[in-house]
């Protein structure tokens, strides 16, 4: 059974995660956090060592919402190749999805934390590496099953796919135009078909 302290910790993380996501580590003030949670500064820091720990936990909460949603979307099909297409398909509606959690955690936290907090930035880098590795694993599985061209460098393609998508996420937010993501998805689908799919 979850304790009262654990419930409070969970509540704080879930409540402040969108604030850190939107404003960044430095700009998210204690008054922002106390106003959102309805708790005092002492009550918040009674559950966390400091602002840095809270920001890291908030980032991990936000990014886990994204990763779980991608995973659920991918589970529509067992084929590694189809799962790659389901990744790009997920990002078609990513703008609306991510706005609900304060924006794209990778984009927002990655850019802002670079010059603000090394530990937070390290967390972003770990998630990017993990995501790209998971895409590469799907490609490797597809190779083993004979669906994907064995001459493809899996990790290089994974980086290319993910950076293409994240670039489109940036443009979509910067220009407030979903077409950047739609067009990037269509382009990556063509590249997957042309370069990965085994004839």
N, C-alpha and C. Protein backbone atom coordinates (compact mmCIF):
# COMPACT_ATOMS: atom_id res chain seq x y z
N UNK A 1 0.85 -1.21 0.00
CA UNK A 1 0.00 0.00 0.00
C UNK A 1 0.88 1.25 0.00
N UNK A 2 0.51 2.20 -0.85
CA UNK A 2 1.30 3.42 -0.99
C UNK A 2 1.09 4.31 0.24
N UNK A 3 2.19 4.85 0.76
CA UNK A 3 2.13 5.69 1.96
C UNK A 3 1.70 7.12 1.60
N UNK A 4 1.34 7.88 2.63
CA UNK A 4 0.94 9.27 2.42
C UNK A 4 2.09 10.08 1.83
N UNK A 5 3.30 9.82 2.31
CA UNK A 5 4.49 10.51 1.80
C UNK A 5 4.71 10.20 0.33
N UNK A 6 4.52 8.94 -0.06
CA UNK A 6 4.69 8.54 -1.46
C UNK A 6 3.62 9.16 -2.35
N UNK A 7 2.40 9.26 -1.80
CA UNK A 7 1.31 9.90 -2.55
C UNK A 7 1.63 11.38 -2.79
N UNK A 8 2.17 12.03 -1.76
CA UNK A 8 2.52 13.45 -1.88
C UNK A 8 3.63 13.64 -2.89
N UNK A 9 4.65 12.78 -2.83
CA UNK A 9 5.77 12.85 -3.77
C UNK A 9 5.27 12.70 -5.20
N UNK A 10 4.41 11.71 -5.42
CA UNK A 10 3.84 11.45 -6.75
C UNK A 10 3.03 12.65 -7.22
N UNK A 11 2.23 13.21 -6.33
CA UNK A 11 1.40 14.37 -6.66
C UNK A 11 2.26 15.56 -7.07
N UNK A 12 3.32 15.81 -6.33
CA UNK A 12 4.20 16.94 -6.64
C UNK A 12 4.83 16.76 -8.02
N UNK A 13 5.38 15.59 -8.27
CA UNK A 13 6.05 15.34 -9.56
C UNK A 13 5.07 15.53 -10.72
N UNK A 14 3.90 14.93 -10.61
CA UNK A 14 2.91 15.01 -11.70
C UNK A 14 2.43 16.44 -11.92
N UNK A 15 2.35 17.22 -10.84
CA UNK A 15 1.85 18.59 -10.94
C UNK A 15 2.88 19.55 -11.50
N UNK A 16 4.14 19.39 -11.09
CA UNK A 16 5.17 20.35 -11.51
C UNK A 16 5.84 19.97 -12.83
N UNK A 17 5.66 18.73 -13.28
CA UNK A 17 6.32 18.28 -14.52
C UNK A 17 6.02 19.20 -15.71
N UNK A 18 4.75 19.55 -15.97
CA UNK A 18 4.48 20.45 -17.11
C UNK A 18 5.11 21.84 -16.94
N UNK A 19 5.27 22.29 -15.69
CA UNK A 19 5.87 23.60 -15.44
C UNK A 19 7.35 23.59 -15.80
N UNK A 20 8.06 22.57 -15.32
CA UNK A 20 9.48 22.45 -15.69
C UNK A 20 9.62 22.27 -17.20
N UNK A 21 8.72 21.53 -17.80
CA UNK A 21 8.78 21.27 -19.24
C UNK A 21 8.61 22.56 -20.04
N UNK A 22 7.66 23.38 -19.63
CA UNK A 22 7.40 24.63 -20.35
C UNK A 22 8.45 25.70 -20.07
N UNK A 23 8.81 25.87 -18.80
CA UNK A 23 9.66 27.01 -18.41
C UNK A 23 11.15 26.69 -18.34
N UNK A 24 11.47 25.42 -18.13
CA UNK A 24 12.87 25.06 -17.96
C UNK A 24 13.29 25.12 -16.51
N UNK A 25 14.45 24.56 -16.22
CA UNK A 25 14.94 24.41 -14.86
C UNK A 25 15.07 25.76 -14.14
N UNK A 26 15.75 26.71 -14.75
CA UNK A 26 16.03 27.99 -14.08
C UNK A 26 14.79 28.87 -13.95
N UNK A 27 13.95 28.87 -14.97
CA UNK A 27 12.79 29.78 -14.98
C UNK A 27 11.62 29.29 -14.14
N UNK A 28 11.59 28.00 -13.85
CA UNK A 28 10.51 27.47 -13.00
C UNK A 28 10.80 27.88 -11.55
N UNK A 29 10.10 28.89 -11.07
CA UNK A 29 10.39 29.43 -9.74
C UNK A 29 9.67 28.64 -8.65
N UNK A 30 10.12 28.82 -7.43
CA UNK A 30 9.48 28.16 -6.31
C UNK A 30 8.04 28.62 -6.16
N UNK A 31 7.78 29.89 -6.48
CA UNK A 31 6.40 30.40 -6.40
C UNK A 31 5.50 29.70 -7.42
N UNK A 32 6.07 29.38 -8.59
CA UNK A 32 5.32 28.62 -9.60
C UNK A 32 4.94 27.25 -9.05
N UNK A 33 5.89 26.61 -8.39
CA UNK A 33 5.69 25.25 -7.89
C UNK A 33 4.72 25.22 -6.70
N UNK A 34 4.86 26.20 -5.80
CA UNK A 34 3.96 26.23 -4.65
C UNK A 34 2.53 26.59 -5.08
N UNK A 35 2.42 27.50 -6.04
CA UNK A 35 1.09 27.90 -6.53
C UNK A 35 0.38 26.72 -7.20
N UNK A 36 1.13 25.96 -7.99
CA UNK A 36 0.54 24.82 -8.72
C UNK A 36 0.14 23.68 -7.79
N UNK A 37 0.98 23.41 -6.80
CA UNK A 37 0.73 22.28 -5.91
C UNK A 37 -0.15 22.63 -4.72
N UNK A 38 -0.17 23.92 -4.35
CA UNK A 38 -0.90 24.32 -3.16
C UNK A 38 -0.15 23.95 -1.88
N UNK A 39 1.14 23.63 -2.05
CA UNK A 39 1.97 23.24 -0.91
C UNK A 39 3.00 24.33 -0.62
N UNK A 40 3.52 24.33 0.59
CA UNK A 40 4.57 25.28 0.95
C UNK A 40 5.91 24.80 0.41
N UNK A 41 6.87 25.70 0.39
CA UNK A 41 8.23 25.35 -0.02
C UNK A 41 8.77 24.22 0.85
N UNK A 42 8.53 24.31 2.14
CA UNK A 42 9.00 23.29 3.07
C UNK A 42 8.38 21.93 2.81
N UNK A 43 7.09 21.93 2.45
CA UNK A 43 6.40 20.68 2.16
C UNK A 43 6.95 20.03 0.89
N UNK A 44 7.27 20.87 -0.10
CA UNK A 44 7.83 20.33 -1.35
C UNK A 44 9.23 19.77 -1.11
N UNK A 45 10.07 20.55 -0.46
CA UNK A 45 11.44 20.10 -0.25
C UNK A 45 11.59 19.08 0.88
N UNK A 46 10.47 18.81 1.57
CA UNK A 46 10.47 17.71 2.52
C UNK A 46 10.46 16.37 1.82
N UNK A 47 10.13 16.40 0.49
CA UNK A 47 10.05 15.18 -0.30
C UNK A 47 11.19 15.04 -1.31
N UNK A 48 11.99 16.11 -1.46
CA UNK A 48 13.09 16.09 -2.42
C UNK A 48 14.32 16.78 -1.82
N UNK A 49 15.50 16.35 -2.23
CA UNK A 49 16.73 16.93 -1.70
C UNK A 49 16.84 18.40 -2.08
N UNK A 50 16.50 18.70 -3.33
CA UNK A 50 16.64 20.06 -3.84
C UNK A 50 15.86 20.20 -5.14
N UNK A 51 15.94 21.37 -5.73
CA UNK A 51 15.23 21.66 -6.98
C UNK A 51 15.74 20.77 -8.11
N UNK A 52 17.02 20.50 -8.12
CA UNK A 52 17.61 19.67 -9.18
C UNK A 52 16.99 18.28 -9.19
N UNK A 53 16.90 17.66 -8.03
CA UNK A 53 16.31 16.32 -7.95
C UNK A 53 14.86 16.34 -8.42
N UNK A 54 14.11 17.35 -8.00
CA UNK A 54 12.72 17.47 -8.42
C UNK A 54 12.62 17.64 -9.93
N UNK A 55 13.48 18.48 -10.51
CA UNK A 55 13.47 18.72 -11.96
C UNK A 55 13.78 17.44 -12.73
N UNK A 56 14.72 16.65 -12.25
CA UNK A 56 15.09 15.40 -12.91
C UNK A 56 13.93 14.40 -12.86
N UNK A 57 13.31 14.29 -11.70
CA UNK A 57 12.16 13.38 -11.56
C UNK A 57 10.99 13.85 -12.41
N UNK A 58 10.81 15.15 -12.50
CA UNK A 58 9.74 15.71 -13.33
C UNK A 58 10.00 15.43 -14.81
N UNK A 59 11.26 15.57 -15.23
CA UNK A 59 11.61 15.26 -16.62
C UNK A 59 11.34 13.79 -16.93
N UNK A 60 11.78 12.92 -16.03
CA UNK A 60 11.59 11.49 -16.24
C UNK A 60 10.11 11.11 -16.28
N UNK A 61 9.31 11.81 -15.48
CA UNK A 61 7.86 11.58 -15.52
C UNK A 61 7.30 11.98 -16.89
N UNK A 62 7.69 13.15 -17.38
CA UNK A 62 7.19 13.64 -18.67
C UNK A 62 7.63 12.73 -19.81
N UNK A 63 8.90 12.36 -19.82
CA UNK A 63 9.40 11.55 -20.93
C UNK A 63 8.80 10.15 -20.88
N UNK A 64 8.52 9.64 -19.69
CA UNK A 64 7.89 8.31 -19.59
C UNK A 64 6.49 8.31 -20.16
N UNK A 65 5.80 9.44 -20.08
CA UNK A 65 4.48 9.55 -20.70
C UNK A 65 4.60 9.38 -22.22
N UNK A 66 5.65 9.98 -22.77
CA UNK A 66 5.89 9.87 -24.22
C UNK A 66 6.27 8.44 -24.58
N UNK A 67 7.24 7.87 -23.86
CA UNK A 67 7.74 6.53 -24.19
C UNK A 67 6.66 5.46 -24.04
N UNK A 68 5.84 5.57 -23.01
CA UNK A 68 4.75 4.60 -22.82
C UNK A 68 3.74 4.69 -23.95
N UNK A 69 3.45 5.90 -24.40
CA UNK A 69 2.49 6.10 -25.49
C UNK A 69 3.03 5.54 -26.80
N UNK A 70 4.33 5.75 -27.05
CA UNK A 70 4.95 5.18 -28.25
C UNK A 70 4.91 3.66 -28.19
N UNK A 71 5.25 3.11 -27.03
CA UNK A 71 5.26 1.66 -26.85
C UNK A 71 3.87 1.06 -27.08
N UNK A 72 2.86 1.71 -26.53
CA UNK A 72 1.48 1.24 -26.73
C UNK A 72 1.10 1.29 -28.20
N UNK A 73 1.50 2.35 -28.88
CA UNK A 73 1.20 2.51 -30.31
C UNK A 73 1.91 1.42 -31.12
N UNK A 74 3.14 1.11 -30.76
CA UNK A 74 3.92 0.09 -31.46
C UNK A 74 3.34 -1.31 -31.28
N UNK A 75 2.68 -1.52 -30.16
CA UNK A 75 2.15 -2.86 -29.85
C UNK A 75 0.99 -3.28 -30.75
N UNK A 76 0.62 -2.40 -31.68
CA UNK A 76 -0.42 -2.76 -32.64
C UNK A 76 0.06 -3.83 -33.61
N UNK A 77 1.39 -3.98 -33.72
CA UNK A 77 1.93 -4.97 -34.65
C UNK A 77 3.22 -5.57 -34.10
N UNK A 78 3.47 -6.85 -34.38
CA UNK A 78 4.65 -7.53 -33.86
C UNK A 78 5.86 -7.44 -34.80
N UNK A 79 5.62 -7.08 -36.04
CA UNK A 79 6.71 -7.01 -37.02
C UNK A 79 7.64 -5.84 -36.72
N UNK A 80 8.96 -6.07 -36.64
CA UNK A 80 9.92 -4.97 -36.41
C UNK A 80 9.80 -3.86 -37.46
N UNK A 81 9.58 -4.25 -38.71
CA UNK A 81 9.44 -3.27 -39.77
C UNK A 81 8.18 -2.42 -39.56
N UNK A 82 7.07 -3.08 -39.25
CA UNK A 82 5.82 -2.35 -39.01
C UNK A 82 5.94 -1.44 -37.79
N UNK A 83 6.70 -1.89 -36.80
CA UNK A 83 6.90 -1.07 -35.60
C UNK A 83 7.64 0.23 -35.94
N UNK A 84 8.54 0.18 -36.91
CA UNK A 84 9.23 1.40 -37.34
C UNK A 84 8.24 2.39 -37.95
N UNK A 85 7.34 1.86 -38.77
CA UNK A 85 6.31 2.71 -39.35
C UNK A 85 5.37 3.26 -38.27
N UNK A 86 5.14 2.48 -37.24
CA UNK A 86 4.27 2.93 -36.14
C UNK A 86 4.92 4.03 -35.31
N UNK A 87 6.26 4.02 -35.27
CA UNK A 87 6.97 5.12 -34.60
C UNK A 87 6.69 6.43 -35.34
N UNK A 88 6.89 6.42 -36.64
CA UNK A 88 6.65 7.64 -37.41
C UNK A 88 5.18 8.03 -37.36
N UNK A 89 4.29 7.02 -37.37
CA UNK A 89 2.86 7.29 -37.31
C UNK A 89 2.48 7.99 -36.00
N UNK A 90 3.11 7.58 -34.92
CA UNK A 90 2.85 8.21 -33.61
C UNK A 90 3.13 9.70 -33.67
N UNK A 91 4.20 10.08 -34.35
CA UNK A 91 4.61 11.48 -34.37
C UNK A 91 3.72 12.36 -35.24
N UNK A 92 2.84 11.77 -36.02
CA UNK A 92 1.88 12.58 -36.79
C UNK A 92 1.03 13.44 -35.85
N UNK A 93 0.67 12.87 -34.72
CA UNK A 93 -0.19 13.57 -33.76
C UNK A 93 0.57 14.03 -32.51
N UNK A 94 1.89 14.06 -32.63
CA UNK A 94 2.71 14.37 -31.47
C UNK A 94 2.55 15.81 -30.99
N UNK A 95 2.26 16.72 -31.88
CA UNK A 95 2.12 18.12 -31.49
C UNK A 95 1.00 18.27 -30.47
N UNK A 96 -0.18 17.72 -30.78
CA UNK A 96 -1.31 17.81 -29.87
C UNK A 96 -1.04 17.03 -28.58
N UNK A 97 -0.43 15.85 -28.72
CA UNK A 97 -0.12 15.02 -27.56
C UNK A 97 0.83 15.75 -26.60
N UNK A 98 1.91 16.29 -27.15
CA UNK A 98 2.93 16.90 -26.30
C UNK A 98 2.50 18.22 -25.68
N UNK A 99 1.59 18.94 -26.33
CA UNK A 99 1.10 20.19 -25.75
C UNK A 99 0.42 19.94 -24.41
N UNK A 100 -0.19 18.77 -24.27
CA UNK A 100 -0.90 18.44 -23.02
C UNK A 100 0.05 18.25 -21.85
N UNK A 101 1.32 17.95 -22.13
CA UNK A 101 2.29 17.75 -21.05
C UNK A 101 3.32 18.89 -20.98
N UNK A 102 3.00 20.00 -21.65
CA UNK A 102 3.85 21.18 -21.56
C UNK A 102 4.84 21.32 -22.69
N UNK A 103 4.72 20.47 -23.72
CA UNK A 103 5.64 20.51 -24.85
C UNK A 103 6.45 19.23 -24.95
N UNK A 104 7.36 19.20 -25.88
CA UNK A 104 8.21 18.02 -26.06
C UNK A 104 9.32 18.02 -25.00
N UNK A 105 9.36 17.03 -24.11
CA UNK A 105 10.38 17.01 -23.06
C UNK A 105 11.81 16.98 -23.59
N UNK A 106 12.03 16.22 -24.65
CA UNK A 106 13.38 16.12 -25.23
C UNK A 106 13.81 17.47 -25.79
N UNK A 107 12.94 18.08 -26.58
CA UNK A 107 13.27 19.37 -27.19
C UNK A 107 13.43 20.46 -26.13
N UNK A 108 12.44 20.61 -25.28
CA UNK A 108 12.47 21.68 -24.28
C UNK A 108 13.61 21.52 -23.28
N UNK A 109 13.66 20.36 -22.65
CA UNK A 109 14.67 20.14 -21.60
C UNK A 109 16.06 20.02 -22.19
N UNK A 110 16.16 19.39 -23.35
CA UNK A 110 17.48 19.22 -23.98
C UNK A 110 18.15 20.54 -24.29
N UNK A 111 17.39 21.45 -24.86
CA UNK A 111 17.96 22.75 -25.25
C UNK A 111 18.23 23.63 -24.03
N UNK A 112 17.24 23.72 -23.13
CA UNK A 112 17.37 24.63 -22.00
C UNK A 112 18.41 24.16 -20.98
N UNK A 113 18.44 22.84 -20.72
CA UNK A 113 19.34 22.33 -19.69
C UNK A 113 20.80 22.32 -20.11
N UNK A 114 21.06 22.41 -21.40
CA UNK A 114 22.43 22.38 -21.91
C UNK A 114 23.34 23.37 -21.18
N UNK A 115 22.82 24.57 -20.94
CA UNK A 115 23.62 25.60 -20.28
C UNK A 115 23.15 25.92 -18.87
N UNK A 116 22.25 25.06 -18.32
CA UNK A 116 21.71 25.35 -16.99
C UNK A 116 22.05 24.29 -15.95
N UNK A 117 21.98 23.03 -16.35
CA UNK A 117 22.15 21.98 -15.36
C UNK A 117 22.71 20.71 -16.02
N UNK A 118 23.93 20.35 -15.70
CA UNK A 118 24.59 19.22 -16.33
C UNK A 118 23.90 17.89 -16.06
N UNK A 119 23.43 17.70 -14.83
CA UNK A 119 22.79 16.42 -14.49
C UNK A 119 21.49 16.24 -15.26
N UNK A 120 20.73 17.31 -15.39
CA UNK A 120 19.47 17.25 -16.13
C UNK A 120 19.74 17.00 -17.61
N UNK A 121 20.75 17.68 -18.14
CA UNK A 121 21.11 17.49 -19.54
C UNK A 121 21.59 16.06 -19.78
N UNK A 122 22.29 15.49 -18.81
CA UNK A 122 22.75 14.10 -18.92
C UNK A 122 21.56 13.14 -19.01
N UNK A 123 20.50 13.43 -18.28
CA UNK A 123 19.29 12.59 -18.34
C UNK A 123 18.69 12.62 -19.74
N UNK A 124 18.69 13.79 -20.36
CA UNK A 124 18.17 13.93 -21.72
C UNK A 124 19.01 13.09 -22.69
N UNK A 125 20.32 13.19 -22.55
CA UNK A 125 21.22 12.43 -23.42
C UNK A 125 21.01 10.93 -23.28
N UNK A 126 20.77 10.47 -22.05
CA UNK A 126 20.52 9.04 -21.81
C UNK A 126 19.26 8.58 -22.53
N UNK A 127 18.21 9.40 -22.48
CA UNK A 127 16.96 9.04 -23.13
C UNK A 127 17.12 9.02 -24.65
N UNK A 128 17.86 9.99 -25.19
CA UNK A 128 18.09 10.01 -26.64
C UNK A 128 18.86 8.76 -27.06
N UNK A 129 19.91 8.42 -26.31
CA UNK A 129 20.69 7.22 -26.62
C UNK A 129 19.83 5.96 -26.54
N UNK A 130 18.99 5.90 -25.50
CA UNK A 130 18.11 4.74 -25.32
C UNK A 130 17.12 4.61 -26.47
N UNK A 131 16.54 5.73 -26.87
CA UNK A 131 15.56 5.73 -27.95
C UNK A 131 16.20 5.29 -29.26
N UNK A 132 17.37 5.86 -29.56
CA UNK A 132 18.05 5.49 -30.80
C UNK A 132 18.48 4.02 -30.78
N UNK A 133 18.91 3.54 -29.63
CA UNK A 133 19.31 2.13 -29.50
C UNK A 133 18.12 1.21 -29.72
N UNK A 134 16.96 1.60 -29.20
CA UNK A 134 15.76 0.79 -29.38
C UNK A 134 15.33 0.72 -30.84
N UNK A 135 15.47 1.85 -31.54
CA UNK A 135 15.16 1.85 -32.98
C UNK A 135 16.14 0.95 -33.72
N UNK A 136 17.41 1.03 -33.35
CA UNK A 136 18.44 0.19 -33.99
C UNK A 136 18.17 -1.29 -33.74
N UNK A 137 17.68 -1.62 -32.54
CA UNK A 137 17.36 -3.02 -32.22
C UNK A 137 16.23 -3.53 -33.10
N UNK A 138 15.24 -2.68 -33.36
CA UNK A 138 14.15 -3.07 -34.26
C UNK A 138 14.68 -3.37 -35.66
N UNK A 139 15.61 -2.52 -36.11
CA UNK A 139 16.21 -2.73 -37.43
C UNK A 139 16.99 -4.04 -37.45
N UNK A 140 17.75 -4.30 -36.40
CA UNK A 140 18.51 -5.56 -36.30
C UNK A 140 17.58 -6.78 -36.31
N UNK A 141 16.47 -6.67 -35.59
CA UNK A 141 15.50 -7.77 -35.56
C UNK A 141 14.92 -8.00 -36.95
N UNK A 142 14.65 -6.90 -37.64
CA UNK A 142 14.13 -7.00 -39.01
C UNK A 142 15.13 -7.65 -39.95
N UNK A 143 16.40 -7.37 -39.73
CA UNK A 143 17.45 -8.01 -40.54
C UNK A 143 17.46 -9.52 -40.33
N UNK A 144 17.38 -9.90 -39.06
CA UNK A 144 17.42 -11.33 -38.71
C UNK A 144 16.23 -12.09 -39.29
N UNK A 145 15.09 -11.41 -39.35
CA UNK A 145 13.87 -12.05 -39.88
C UNK A 145 13.78 -11.96 -41.40
N UNK A 146 14.73 -11.23 -42.00
CA UNK A 146 14.75 -11.12 -43.46
C UNK A 146 13.85 -10.06 -44.05
N UNK A 147 13.35 -9.15 -43.19
CA UNK A 147 12.47 -8.08 -43.68
C UNK A 147 13.25 -6.83 -44.10
N UNK A 148 14.44 -6.69 -43.51
CA UNK A 148 15.20 -5.45 -43.69
C UNK A 148 16.56 -5.72 -44.30
N UNK A 149 16.98 -4.83 -45.17
CA UNK A 149 18.26 -4.90 -45.87
C UNK A 149 19.42 -5.02 -44.88
N UNK A 150 20.20 -6.08 -44.98
CA UNK A 150 21.28 -6.33 -44.03
C UNK A 150 22.46 -5.37 -44.19
N UNK A 151 22.51 -4.64 -45.30
CA UNK A 151 23.61 -3.70 -45.53
C UNK A 151 23.43 -2.37 -44.80
N UNK A 152 22.25 -2.16 -44.22
CA UNK A 152 21.97 -0.91 -43.50
C UNK A 152 22.71 -0.89 -42.17
N UNK A 153 23.34 0.25 -41.88
CA UNK A 153 23.96 0.45 -40.57
C UNK A 153 22.84 0.86 -39.60
N UNK A 154 22.50 -0.04 -38.69
CA UNK A 154 21.31 0.13 -37.85
C UNK A 154 21.35 1.39 -37.00
N UNK A 155 22.45 1.62 -36.29
CA UNK A 155 22.51 2.78 -35.39
C UNK A 155 22.55 4.09 -36.16
N UNK A 156 23.24 4.11 -37.29
CA UNK A 156 23.28 5.33 -38.10
C UNK A 156 21.89 5.68 -38.63
N UNK A 157 21.15 4.65 -39.06
CA UNK A 157 19.80 4.91 -39.56
C UNK A 157 18.89 5.37 -38.43
N UNK A 158 19.06 4.75 -37.25
CA UNK A 158 18.25 5.13 -36.09
C UNK A 158 18.48 6.59 -35.72
N UNK A 159 19.73 7.02 -35.72
CA UNK A 159 20.05 8.42 -35.42
C UNK A 159 19.45 9.35 -36.46
N UNK A 160 19.52 8.94 -37.69
CA UNK A 160 18.98 9.74 -38.79
C UNK A 160 17.47 9.89 -38.66
N UNK A 161 16.80 8.78 -38.36
CA UNK A 161 15.35 8.80 -38.20
C UNK A 161 14.94 9.71 -37.04
N UNK A 162 15.60 9.53 -35.90
CA UNK A 162 15.21 10.27 -34.71
C UNK A 162 15.54 11.76 -34.83
N UNK A 163 16.68 12.07 -35.40
CA UNK A 163 17.04 13.48 -35.56
C UNK A 163 16.12 14.18 -36.57
N UNK A 164 15.69 13.44 -37.58
CA UNK A 164 14.76 13.99 -38.58
C UNK A 164 13.43 14.33 -37.90
N UNK A 165 12.95 13.41 -37.08
CA UNK A 165 11.70 13.63 -36.37
C UNK A 165 11.82 14.80 -35.39
N UNK A 166 12.90 14.82 -34.59
CA UNK A 166 13.06 15.89 -33.61
C UNK A 166 13.22 17.25 -34.28
N UNK A 167 13.86 17.28 -35.43
CA UNK A 167 13.97 18.52 -36.18
C UNK A 167 12.60 19.02 -36.60
N UNK A 168 11.74 18.08 -37.01
CA UNK A 168 10.38 18.44 -37.41
C UNK A 168 9.55 18.88 -36.21
N UNK A 169 9.81 18.26 -35.05
CA UNK A 169 9.12 18.68 -33.82
C UNK A 169 9.47 20.14 -33.51
N UNK A 170 10.76 20.47 -33.63
CA UNK A 170 11.18 21.86 -33.39
C UNK A 170 10.48 22.82 -34.34
N UNK A 171 10.46 22.50 -35.62
CA UNK A 171 9.85 23.39 -36.61
C UNK A 171 8.34 23.51 -36.39
N UNK A 172 7.71 22.41 -36.01
CA UNK A 172 6.27 22.43 -35.75
C UNK A 172 5.95 23.38 -34.61
N UNK A 173 6.75 23.32 -33.53
CA UNK A 173 6.53 24.21 -32.39
C UNK A 173 6.90 25.66 -32.73
N UNK A 174 8.03 25.83 -33.40
CA UNK A 174 8.50 27.18 -33.72
C UNK A 174 7.53 27.91 -34.64
N UNK A 175 6.95 27.15 -35.59
CA UNK A 175 6.07 27.76 -36.59
C UNK A 175 4.59 27.53 -36.30
N UNK A 176 4.29 26.78 -35.23
CA UNK A 176 2.91 26.44 -34.89
C UNK A 176 2.19 25.85 -36.11
N UNK A 177 2.85 24.89 -36.73
CA UNK A 177 2.35 24.31 -37.98
C UNK A 177 2.62 22.80 -37.99
N UNK A 178 1.57 22.00 -37.87
CA UNK A 178 1.70 20.55 -37.83
C UNK A 178 2.22 19.96 -39.13
N UNK A 179 2.15 20.71 -40.21
CA UNK A 179 2.56 20.18 -41.50
C UNK A 179 4.04 19.78 -41.52
N UNK A 180 4.86 20.42 -40.69
CA UNK A 180 6.27 20.04 -40.63
C UNK A 180 6.42 18.58 -40.18
N UNK A 181 5.61 18.19 -39.19
CA UNK A 181 5.66 16.81 -38.73
C UNK A 181 5.04 15.87 -39.75
N UNK A 182 3.91 16.27 -40.33
CA UNK A 182 3.27 15.42 -41.33
C UNK A 182 4.23 15.12 -42.48
N UNK A 183 4.88 16.18 -42.96
CA UNK A 183 5.78 16.03 -44.11
C UNK A 183 7.02 15.21 -43.75
N UNK A 184 7.54 15.41 -42.53
CA UNK A 184 8.71 14.64 -42.09
C UNK A 184 8.36 13.16 -41.97
N UNK A 185 7.18 12.87 -41.46
CA UNK A 185 6.73 11.47 -41.32
C UNK A 185 6.61 10.82 -42.70
N UNK A 186 6.00 11.51 -43.62
CA UNK A 186 5.85 10.95 -44.97
C UNK A 186 7.21 10.72 -45.62
N UNK A 187 8.12 11.66 -45.41
CA UNK A 187 9.46 11.52 -45.98
C UNK A 187 10.20 10.34 -45.37
N UNK A 188 10.12 10.18 -44.05
CA UNK A 188 10.80 9.07 -43.39
C UNK A 188 10.17 7.74 -43.79
N UNK A 189 8.86 7.71 -43.99
CA UNK A 189 8.22 6.48 -44.45
C UNK A 189 8.74 6.06 -45.82
N UNK A 190 8.95 7.03 -46.68
CA UNK A 190 9.50 6.74 -48.01
C UNK A 190 10.93 6.23 -47.91
N UNK A 191 11.70 6.82 -47.01
CA UNK A 191 13.09 6.40 -46.82
C UNK A 191 13.15 4.98 -46.25
N UNK A 192 12.26 4.69 -45.29
CA UNK A 192 12.21 3.33 -44.73
C UNK A 192 11.88 2.33 -45.83
N UNK A 193 10.90 2.68 -46.64
CA UNK A 193 10.49 1.77 -47.72
C UNK A 193 11.60 1.58 -48.75
N UNK A 194 12.25 2.68 -49.11
CA UNK A 194 13.27 2.62 -50.15
C UNK A 194 14.57 2.00 -49.68
N UNK A 195 15.00 2.35 -48.46
CA UNK A 195 16.34 1.93 -48.00
C UNK A 195 16.34 0.70 -47.09
N UNK A 196 15.25 0.53 -46.32
CA UNK A 196 15.24 -0.57 -45.35
C UNK A 196 14.54 -1.81 -45.85
N UNK A 197 13.37 -1.62 -46.43
CA UNK A 197 12.57 -2.80 -46.82
C UNK A 197 13.32 -3.65 -47.84
N UNK A 198 13.34 -4.92 -47.55
CA UNK A 198 13.99 -5.86 -48.46
C UNK A 198 13.05 -6.20 -49.60
N UNK A 199 13.52 -6.03 -50.80
CA UNK A 199 12.67 -6.28 -51.98
C UNK A 199 12.35 -7.75 -52.12
